[in-house]
Amino acid sequence: MKDKDIDFSEIPELTRAQLAGAKMRAGLRPIPRGKTRVSMFLDNAIVEYFKTIAGGRGYQTLINKTLGEHIRSHDLEGMLRRLIRDGYSGPS
């Protein structure tokens, strides 16, 4: 079956309350809320791009937000695929 052939009409939409109560996990371990200081190398072009968009200040926050949005959008897609593949039996 191709993605375009999947019928999403019977899958209920997630509410903001459900998402607010969700716990982020890596594997089976919960990930605590908050931030972790990291040191990493990024391409100069990437750093300059985000500095330009952010106006010089807050570019690290913008990089963090962009990475988070990317993860959430891909994780949601994977979750929906699993629900469709394995079947949705409703809330437990």
PDB file of N, CA and C in Angstrom:
ATOM      1  N   MET A   1       0.846  -1.177   0.000  1.00  0.00           N
ATOM      2  CA  MET A   1       0.000   0.000   0.000  1.00  0.00           C
ATOM      3  C   MET A   1       0.890   1.238   0.000  1.00  0.00           C
ATOM      4  N   LYS A   2       0.525   2.206  -0.764  1.00  0.00           N
ATOM      5  CA  LYS A   2       1.284   3.451  -0.826  1.00  0.00           C
ATOM      6  C   LYS A   2       0.686   4.464   0.150  1.00  0.00           C
ATOM      7  N   ASP A   3       1.508   5.409   0.588  1.00  0.00           N
ATOM      8  CA  ASP A   3       1.049   6.419   1.551  1.00  0.00           C
ATOM      9  C   ASP A   3      -0.213   7.124   1.086  1.00  0.00           C
ATOM     10  N   LYS A   4      -0.299   7.442  -0.198  1.00  0.00           N
ATOM     11  CA  LYS A   4      -1.461   8.187  -0.713  1.00  0.00           C
ATOM     12  C   LYS A   4      -2.747   7.375  -0.627  1.00  0.00           C
ATOM     13  N   ASP A   5      -2.641   6.047  -0.481  1.00  0.00           N
ATOM     14  CA  ASP A   5      -3.813   5.181  -0.421  1.00  0.00           C
ATOM     15  C   ASP A   5      -4.329   4.968   1.000  1.00  0.00           C
ATOM     16  N   ILE A   6      -3.649   5.498   1.987  1.00  0.00           N
ATOM     17  CA  ILE A   6      -4.034   5.294   3.384  1.00  0.00           C
ATOM     18  C   ILE A   6      -5.173   6.243   3.744  1.00  0.00           C
ATOM     19  N   ASP A   7      -6.210   5.683   4.357  1.00  0.00           N
ATOM     20  CA  ASP A   7      -7.376   6.468   4.778  1.00  0.00           C
ATOM     21  C   ASP A   7      -7.192   6.881   6.240  1.00  0.00           C
ATOM     22  N   PHE A   8      -7.006   8.172   6.479  1.00  0.00           N
ATOM     23  CA  PHE A   8      -6.815   8.701   7.836  1.00  0.00           C
ATOM     24  C   PHE A   8      -8.128   9.152   8.475  1.00  0.00           C
ATOM     25  N   SER A   9      -9.246   9.013   7.791  1.00  0.00           N
ATOM     26  CA  SER A   9     -10.507   9.605   8.240  1.00  0.00           C
ATOM     27  C   SER A   9     -11.017   9.040   9.566  1.00  0.00           C
ATOM     28  N   GLU A  10     -10.658   7.814   9.922  1.00  0.00           N
ATOM     29  CA  GLU A  10     -11.168   7.219  11.157  1.00  0.00           C
ATOM     30  C   GLU A  10     -10.232   7.400  12.352  1.00  0.00           C
ATOM     31  N   ILE A  11      -9.102   8.040  12.126  1.00  0.00           N
ATOM     32  CA  ILE A  11      -8.159   8.254  13.218  1.00  0.00           C
ATOM     33  C   ILE A  11      -8.512   9.569  13.910  1.00  0.00           C
ATOM     34  N   PRO A  12      -8.845   9.526  15.210  1.00  0.00           N
ATOM     35  CA  PRO A  12      -9.212  10.767  15.899  1.00  0.00           C
ATOM     36  C   PRO A  12      -8.020  11.708  16.015  1.00  0.00           C
ATOM     37  N   GLU A  13      -8.313  13.001  15.977  1.00  0.00           N
ATOM     38  CA  GLU A  13      -7.251  13.991  16.119  1.00  0.00           C
ATOM     39  C   GLU A  13      -6.795  14.048  17.574  1.00  0.00           C
ATOM     40  N   LEU A  14      -5.505  14.293  17.761  1.00  0.00           N
ATOM     41  CA  LEU A  14      -4.980  14.467  19.106  1.00  0.00           C
ATOM     42  C   LEU A  14      -5.349  15.859  19.604  1.00  0.00           C
ATOM     43  N   THR A  15      -5.721  15.934  20.870  1.00  0.00           N
ATOM     44  CA  THR A  15      -6.069  17.230  21.452  1.00  0.00           C
ATOM     45  C   THR A  15      -4.827  17.862  22.065  1.00  0.00           C
ATOM     46  N   ARG A  16      -4.903  19.169  22.301  1.00  0.00           N
ATOM     47  CA  ARG A  16      -3.788  19.861  22.968  1.00  0.00           C
ATOM     48  C   ARG A  16      -3.570  19.287  24.360  1.00  0.00           C
ATOM     49  N   ALA A  17      -4.644  18.906  25.050  1.00  0.00           N
ATOM     50  CA  ALA A  17      -4.528  18.340  26.394  1.00  0.00           C
ATOM     51  C   ALA A  17      -3.777  17.003  26.346  1.00  0.00           C
ATOM     52  N   GLN A  18      -4.067  16.182  25.336  1.00  0.00           N
ATOM     53  CA  GLN A  18      -3.365  14.913  25.205  1.00  0.00           C
ATOM     54  C   GLN A  18      -1.879  15.146  24.934  1.00  0.00           C
ATOM     55  N   LEU A  19      -1.583  16.079  24.054  1.00  0.00           N
ATOM     56  CA  LEU A  19      -0.193  16.367  23.738  1.00  0.00           C
ATOM     57  C   LEU A  19       0.539  16.965  24.933  1.00  0.00           C
ATOM     58  N   ALA A  20      -0.159  17.805  25.720  1.00  0.00           N
ATOM     59  CA  ALA A  20       0.469  18.432  26.886  1.00  0.00           C
ATOM     60  C   ALA A  20       0.848  17.381  27.930  1.00  0.00           C
ATOM     61  N   GLY A  21       0.073  16.305  28.020  1.00  0.00           N
ATOM     62  CA  GLY A  21       0.338  15.253  28.992  1.00  0.00           C
ATOM     63  C   GLY A  21       1.297  14.183  28.490  1.00  0.00           C
ATOM     64  N   ALA A  22       1.721  14.308  27.248  1.00  0.00           N
ATOM     65  CA  ALA A  22       2.608  13.297  26.673  1.00  0.00           C
ATOM     66  C   ALA A  22       3.996  13.385  27.281  1.00  0.00           C
ATOM     67  N   LYS A  23       4.648  12.251  27.380  1.00  0.00           N
ATOM     68  CA  LYS A  23       6.015  12.202  27.890  1.00  0.00           C
ATOM     69  C   LYS A  23       6.934  11.810  26.748  1.00  0.00           C
ATOM     70  N   MET A  24       8.002  12.590  26.574  1.00  0.00           N
ATOM     71  CA  MET A  24       8.988  12.298  25.545  1.00  0.00           C
ATOM     72  C   MET A  24       9.852  11.148  26.025  1.00  0.00           C
ATOM     73  N   ARG A  25      10.098  10.195  25.147  1.00  0.00           N
ATOM     74  CA  ARG A  25      10.921   9.046  25.495  1.00  0.00           C
ATOM     75  C   ARG A  25      11.956   8.796  24.408  1.00  0.00           C
ATOM     76  N   ALA A  26      13.092   8.258  24.823  1.00  0.00           N
ATOM     77  CA  ALA A  26      14.107   7.766  23.901  1.00  0.00           C
ATOM     78  C   ALA A  26      14.211   6.284  24.191  1.00  0.00           C
ATOM     79  N   GLY A  27      13.766   5.472  23.258  1.00  0.00           N
ATOM     80  CA  GLY A  27      13.643   4.046  23.559  1.00  0.00           C
ATOM     81  C   GLY A  27      12.527   3.905  24.561  1.00  0.00           C
ATOM     82  N   LEU A  28      12.776   3.295  25.678  1.00  0.00           N
ATOM     83  CA  LEU A  28      11.750   3.169  26.720  1.00  0.00           C
ATOM     84  C   LEU A  28      12.002   4.100  27.904  1.00  0.00           C
ATOM     85  N   ARG A  29      13.094   4.858  27.845  1.00  0.00           N
ATOM     86  CA  ARG A  29      13.440   5.741  28.964  1.00  0.00           C
ATOM     87  C   ARG A  29      12.829   7.118  28.785  1.00  0.00           C
ATOM     88  N   PRO A  30      12.177   7.646  29.836  1.00  0.00           N
ATOM     89  CA  PRO A  30      11.651   9.014  29.742  1.00  0.00           C
ATOM     90  C   PRO A  30      12.783  10.034  29.689  1.00  0.00           C
ATOM     91  N   ILE A  31      12.567  11.102  28.953  1.00  0.00           N
ATOM     92  CA  ILE A  31      13.546  12.176  28.847  1.00  0.00           C
ATOM     93  C   ILE A  31      13.078  13.321  29.738  1.00  0.00           C
ATOM     94  N   PRO A  32      13.881  13.732  30.715  1.00  0.00           N
ATOM     95  CA  PRO A  32      13.455  14.830  31.593  1.00  0.00           C
ATOM     96  C   PRO A  32      13.342  16.143  30.813  1.00  0.00           C
ATOM     97  N   ARG A  33      12.408  16.984  31.258  1.00  0.00           N
ATOM     98  CA  ARG A  33      12.251  18.297  30.634  1.00  0.00           C
ATOM     99  C   ARG A  33      13.456  19.166  30.984  1.00  0.00           C
ATOM    100  N   GLY A  34      13.657  20.211  30.231  1.00  0.00           N
ATOM    101  CA  GLY A  34      14.762  21.116  30.501  1.00  0.00           C
ATOM    102  C   GLY A  34      15.711  21.155  29.318  1.00  0.00           C
ATOM    103  N   LYS A  35      16.876  21.696  29.550  1.00  0.00           N
ATOM    104  CA  LYS A  35      17.874  21.835  28.491  1.00  0.00           C
ATOM    105  C   LYS A  35      19.212  21.306  28.972  1.00  0.00           C
ATOM    106  N   THR A  36      20.037  20.906  28.014  1.00  0.00           N
ATOM    107  CA  THR A  36      21.384  20.421  28.282  1.00  0.00           C
ATOM    108  C   THR A  36      22.365  21.239  27.458  1.00  0.00           C
ATOM    109  N   ARG A  37      23.409  21.716  28.103  1.00  0.00           N
ATOM    110  CA  ARG A  37      24.441  22.467  27.380  1.00  0.00           C
ATOM    111  C   ARG A  37      25.274  21.481  26.577  1.00  0.00           C
ATOM    112  N   VAL A  38      25.458  21.783  25.289  1.00  0.00           N
ATOM    113  CA  VAL A  38      26.274  20.944  24.425  1.00  0.00           C
ATOM    114  C   VAL A  38      27.278  21.815  23.680  1.00  0.00           C
ATOM    115  N   SER A  39      28.343  21.196  23.267  1.00  0.00           N
ATOM    116  CA  SER A  39      29.334  21.868  22.442  1.00  0.00           C
ATOM    117  C   SER A  39      29.454  21.037  21.175  1.00  0.00           C
ATOM    118  N   MET A  40      29.226  21.672  20.024  1.00  0.00           N
ATOM    119  CA  MET A  40      29.269  20.929  18.775  1.00  0.00           C
ATOM    120  C   MET A  40      29.721  21.830  17.641  1.00  0.00           C
ATOM    121  N   PHE A  41      30.150  21.227  16.572  1.00  0.00           N
ATOM    122  CA  PHE A  41      30.551  21.975  15.387  1.00  0.00           C
ATOM    123  C   PHE A  41      29.413  21.970  14.383  1.00  0.00           C
ATOM    124  N   LEU A  42      29.083  23.146  13.857  1.00  0.00           N
ATOM    125  CA  LEU A  42      28.094  23.301  12.791  1.00  0.00           C
ATOM    126  C   LEU A  42      28.775  23.975  11.614  1.00  0.00           C
ATOM    127  N   ASP A  43      28.287  23.697  10.427  1.00  0.00           N
ATOM    128  CA  ASP A  43      28.825  24.373   9.249  1.00  0.00           C
ATOM    129  C   ASP A  43      28.625  25.880   9.395  1.00  0.00           C
ATOM    130  N   ASN A  44      29.598  26.666   8.953  1.00  0.00           N
ATOM    131  CA  ASN A  44      29.500  28.127   9.013  1.00  0.00           C
ATOM    132  C   ASN A  44      28.235  28.631   8.326  1.00  0.00           C
ATOM    133  N   ALA A  45      27.891  28.020   7.199  1.00  0.00           N
ATOM    134  CA  ALA A  45      26.700  28.449   6.460  1.00  0.00           C
ATOM    135  C   ALA A  45      25.434  28.278   7.295  1.00  0.00           C
ATOM    136  N   ILE A  46      25.362  27.210   8.087  1.00  0.00           N
ATOM    137  CA  ILE A  46      24.184  26.981   8.934  1.00  0.00           C
ATOM    138  C   ILE A  46      24.109  28.042  10.026  1.00  0.00           C
ATOM    139  N   VAL A  47      25.223  28.295  10.690  1.00  0.00           N
ATOM    140  CA  VAL A  47      25.240  29.293  11.761  1.00  0.00           C
ATOM    141  C   VAL A  47      24.876  30.673  11.208  1.00  0.00           C
ATOM    142  N   GLU A  48      25.464  31.058  10.096  1.00  0.00           N
ATOM    143  CA  GLU A  48      25.164  32.371   9.503  1.00  0.00           C
ATOM    144  C   GLU A  48      23.712  32.479   9.068  1.00  0.00           C
ATOM    145  N   TYR A  49      23.169  31.405   8.537  1.00  0.00           N
ATOM    146  CA  TYR A  49      21.758  31.389   8.137  1.00  0.00           C
ATOM    147  C   TYR A  49      20.864  31.702   9.335  1.00  0.00           C
ATOM    148  N   PHE A  50      21.065  30.994  10.444  1.00  0.00           N
ATOM    149  CA  PHE A  50      20.221  31.195  11.621  1.00  0.00           C
ATOM    150  C   PHE A  50      20.479  32.549  12.276  1.00  0.00           C
ATOM    151  N   LYS A  51      21.720  33.028  12.251  1.00  0.00           N
ATOM    152  CA  LYS A  51      22.007  34.361  12.788  1.00  0.00           C
ATOM    153  C   LYS A  51      21.282  35.424  11.973  1.00  0.00           C
ATOM    154  N   THR A  52      21.255  35.256  10.661  1.00  0.00           N
ATOM    155  CA  THR A  52      20.565  36.216   9.790  1.00  0.00           C
ATOM    156  C   THR A  52      19.066  36.229  10.074  1.00  0.00           C
ATOM    157  N   ILE A  53      18.474  35.062  10.173  1.00  0.00           N
ATOM    158  CA  ILE A  53      17.027  34.979  10.443  1.00  0.00           C
ATOM    159  C   ILE A  53      16.699  35.561  11.811  1.00  0.00           C
ATOM    160  N   ALA A  54      17.527  35.252  12.804  1.00  0.00           N
ATOM    161  CA  ALA A  54      17.264  35.683  14.181  1.00  0.00           C
ATOM    162  C   ALA A  54      17.720  37.110  14.443  1.00  0.00           C
ATOM    163  N   GLY A  55      18.432  37.726  13.515  1.00  0.00           N
ATOM    164  CA  GLY A  55      18.934  39.075  13.739  1.00  0.00           C
ATOM    165  C   GLY A  55      20.164  39.100  14.622  1.00  0.00           C
ATOM    166  N   GLY A  56      20.899  38.006  14.679  1.00  0.00           N
ATOM    167  CA  GLY A  56      22.146  37.977  15.444  1.00  0.00           C
ATOM    168  C   GLY A  56      21.987  37.429  16.847  1.00  0.00           C
ATOM    169  N   ARG A  57      20.924  37.798  17.544  1.00  0.00           N
ATOM    170  CA  ARG A  57      20.699  37.305  18.913  1.00  0.00           C
ATOM    171  C   ARG A  57      19.590  36.264  18.892  1.00  0.00           C
ATOM    172  N   GLY A  58      19.746  35.241  19.685  1.00  0.00           N
ATOM    173  CA  GLY A  58      18.719  34.211  19.784  1.00  0.00           C
ATOM    174  C   GLY A  58      18.802  33.163  18.691  1.00  0.00           C
ATOM    175  N   TYR A  59      19.904  33.145  17.958  1.00  0.00           N
ATOM    176  CA  TYR A  59      20.005  32.179  16.864  1.00  0.00           C
ATOM    177  C   TYR A  59      20.090  30.746  17.391  1.00  0.00           C
ATOM    178  N   GLN A  60      20.682  30.547  18.575  1.00  0.00           N
ATOM    179  CA  GLN A  60      20.760  29.197  19.138  1.00  0.00           C
ATOM    180  C   GLN A  60      19.372  28.691  19.517  1.00  0.00           C
ATOM    181  N   THR A  61      18.548  29.593  20.031  1.00  0.00           N
ATOM    182  CA  THR A  61      17.162  29.234  20.345  1.00  0.00           C
ATOM    183  C   THR A  61      16.416  28.861  19.072  1.00  0.00           C
ATOM    184  N   LEU A  62      16.670  29.585  18.005  1.00  0.00           N
ATOM    185  CA  LEU A  62      16.025  29.295  16.728  1.00  0.00           C
ATOM    186  C   LEU A  62      16.485  27.939  16.184  1.00  0.00           C
ATOM    187  N   ILE A  63      17.754  27.612  16.315  1.00  0.00           N
ATOM    188  CA  ILE A  63      18.244  26.297  15.893  1.00  0.00           C
ATOM    189  C   ILE A  63      17.551  25.207  16.711  1.00  0.00           C
ATOM    190  N   ASN A  64      17.441  25.403  18.020  1.00  0.00           N
ATOM    191  CA  ASN A  64      16.784  24.440  18.904  1.00  0.00           C
ATOM    192  C   ASN A  64      15.325  24.246  18.493  1.00  0.00           C
ATOM    193  N   LYS A  65      14.631  25.343  18.233  1.00  0.00           N
ATOM    194  CA  LYS A  65      13.222  25.275  17.831  1.00  0.00           C
ATOM    195  C   LYS A  65      13.072  24.527  16.509  1.00  0.00           C
ATOM    196  N   THR A  66      13.945  24.809  15.557  1.00  0.00           N
ATOM    197  CA  THR A  66      13.891  24.156  14.252  1.00  0.00           C
ATOM    198  C   THR A  66      14.132  22.657  14.374  1.00  0.00           C
ATOM    199  N   LEU A  67      15.119  22.271  15.169  1.00  0.00           N
ATOM    200  CA  LEU A  67      15.384  20.849  15.376  1.00  0.00           C
ATOM    201  C   LEU A  67      14.194  20.163  16.059  1.00  0.00           C
ATOM    202  N   GLY A  68      13.613  20.823  17.051  1.00  0.00           N
ATOM    203  CA  GLY A  68      12.449  20.262  17.740  1.00  0.00           C
ATOM    204  C   GLY A  68      11.268  20.062  16.805  1.00  0.00           C
ATOM    205  N   GLU A  69      10.995  21.048  15.947  1.00  0.00           N
ATOM    206  CA  GLU A  69       9.892  20.926  14.992  1.00  0.00           C
ATOM    207  C   GLU A  69      10.139  19.776  14.020  1.00  0.00           C
ATOM    208  N   HIS A  70      11.372  19.635  13.588  1.00  0.00           N
ATOM    209  CA  HIS A  70      11.711  18.540  12.678  1.00  0.00           C
ATOM    210  C   HIS A  70      11.454  17.188  13.343  1.00  0.00           C
ATOM    211  N   ILE A  71      11.895  17.041  14.585  1.00  0.00           N
ATOM    212  CA  ILE A  71      11.709  15.784  15.310  1.00  0.00           C
ATOM    213  C   ILE A  71      10.224  15.502  15.505  1.00  0.00           C
ATOM    214  N   ARG A  72       9.465  16.508  15.946  1.00  0.00           N
ATOM    215  CA  ARG A  72       8.031  16.296  16.184  1.00  0.00           C
ATOM    216  C   ARG A  72       7.299  15.913  14.901  1.00  0.00           C
ATOM    217  N   SER A  73       7.605  16.552  13.797  1.00  0.00           N
ATOM    218  CA  SER A  73       6.896  16.249  12.556  1.00  0.00           C
ATOM    219  C   SER A  73       7.222  14.843  12.065  1.00  0.00           C
ATOM    220  N   HIS A  74       8.468  14.423  12.209  1.00  0.00           N
ATOM    221  CA  HIS A  74       8.823  13.084  11.762  1.00  0.00           C
ATOM    222  C   HIS A  74       8.346  12.025  12.743  1.00  0.00           C
ATOM    223  N   ASP A  75       8.349  12.321  14.030  1.00  0.00           N
ATOM    224  CA  ASP A  75       7.879  11.372  15.023  1.00  0.00           C
ATOM    225  C   ASP A  75       6.383  11.169  14.874  1.00  0.00           C
ATOM    226  N   LEU A  76       5.626  12.245  14.612  1.00  0.00           N
ATOM    227  CA  LEU A  76       4.179  12.136  14.429  1.00  0.00           C
ATOM    228  C   LEU A  76       3.873  11.268  13.220  1.00  0.00           C
ATOM    229  N   GLU A  77       4.627  11.471  12.154  1.00  0.00           N
ATOM    230  CA  GLU A  77       4.421  10.665  10.950  1.00  0.00           C
ATOM    231  C   GLU A  77       4.649   9.183  11.258  1.00  0.00           C
ATOM    232  N   GLY A  78       5.710   8.871  11.977  1.00  0.00           N
ATOM    233  CA  GLY A  78       5.991   7.487  12.339  1.00  0.00           C
ATOM    234  C   GLY A  78       4.911   6.889  13.222  1.00  0.00           C
ATOM    235  N   MET A  79       4.408   7.683  14.178  1.00  0.00           N
ATOM    236  CA  MET A  79       3.354   7.211  15.062  1.00  0.00           C
ATOM    237  C   MET A  79       2.096   6.886  14.265  1.00  0.00           C
ATOM    238  N   LEU A  80       1.714   7.779  13.355  1.00  0.00           N
ATOM    239  CA  LEU A  80       0.527   7.542  12.542  1.00  0.00           C
ATOM    240  C   LEU A  80       0.692   6.293  11.687  1.00  0.00           C
ATOM    241  N   ARG A  81       1.870   6.107  11.137  1.00  0.00           N
ATOM    242  CA  ARG A  81       2.122   4.907  10.328  1.00  0.00           C
ATOM    243  C   ARG A  81       1.960   3.642  11.180  1.00  0.00           C
ATOM    244  N   ARG A  82       2.480   3.665  12.425  1.00  0.00           N
ATOM    245  CA  ARG A  82       2.347   2.501  13.300  1.00  0.00           C
ATOM    246  C   ARG A  82       0.893   2.253  13.661  1.00  0.00           C
ATOM    247  N   LEU A  83       0.142   3.320  13.947  1.00  0.00           N
ATOM    248  CA  LEU A  83      -1.269   3.162  14.281  1.00  0.00           C
ATOM    249  C   LEU A  83      -2.043   2.542  13.128  1.00  0.00           C
ATOM    250  N   ILE A  84      -1.752   2.997  11.938  1.00  0.00           N
ATOM    251  CA  ILE A  84      -2.452   2.468  10.765  1.00  0.00           C
ATOM    252  C   ILE A  84      -2.034   1.023  10.512  1.00  0.00           C
ATOM    253  N   ARG A  85      -0.744   0.763  10.598  1.00  0.00           N
ATOM    254  CA  ARG A  85      -0.231  -0.578  10.326  1.00  0.00           C
ATOM    255  C   ARG A  85      -0.736  -1.588  11.364  1.00  0.00           C
ATOM    256  N   ASP A  86      -0.676  -1.216  12.651  1.00  0.00           N
ATOM    257  CA  ASP A  86      -1.010  -2.146  13.716  1.00  0.00           C
ATOM    258  C   ASP A  86      -2.478  -2.092  14.120  1.00  0.00           C
ATOM    259  N   GLY A  87      -3.172  -1.071  13.683  1.00  0.00           N
ATOM    260  CA  GLY A  87      -4.581  -0.914  14.045  1.00  0.00           C
ATOM    261  C   GLY A  87      -4.730  -0.071  15.295  1.00  0.00           C
ATOM    262  N   TYR A  88      -5.743   0.763  15.319  1.00  0.00           N
ATOM    263  CA  TYR A  88      -6.016   1.615  16.480  1.00  0.00           C
ATOM    264  C   TYR A  88      -7.193   1.044  17.221  1.00  0.00           C
ATOM    265  N   SER A  89      -7.005   0.726  18.502  1.00  0.00           N
ATOM    266  CA  SER A  89      -8.086   0.124  19.292  1.00  0.00           C
ATOM    267  C   SER A  89      -8.700   1.109  20.267  1.00  0.00           C
ATOM    268  N   GLY A  90      -8.374   2.367  20.145  1.00  0.00           N
ATOM    269  CA  GLY A  90      -8.945   3.385  21.032  1.00  0.00           C
ATOM    270  C   GLY A  90      -8.133   3.556  22.287  1.00  0.00           C
ATOM    271  N   PRO A  91      -8.542   4.536  23.143  1.00  0.00           N
ATOM    272  CA  PRO A  91      -7.786   4.784  24.381  1.00  0.00           C
ATOM    273  C   PRO A  91      -7.835   3.601  25.318  1.00  0.00           C
ATOM    274  N   SER A  92      -6.755   3.396  26.056  1.00  0.00           N
ATOM    275  CA  SER A  92      -6.690   2.266  26.997  1.00  0.00           C
ATOM    276  C   SER A  92      -7.432   2.569  28.261  1.00  0.00           C
TER     277      SER A  92
END
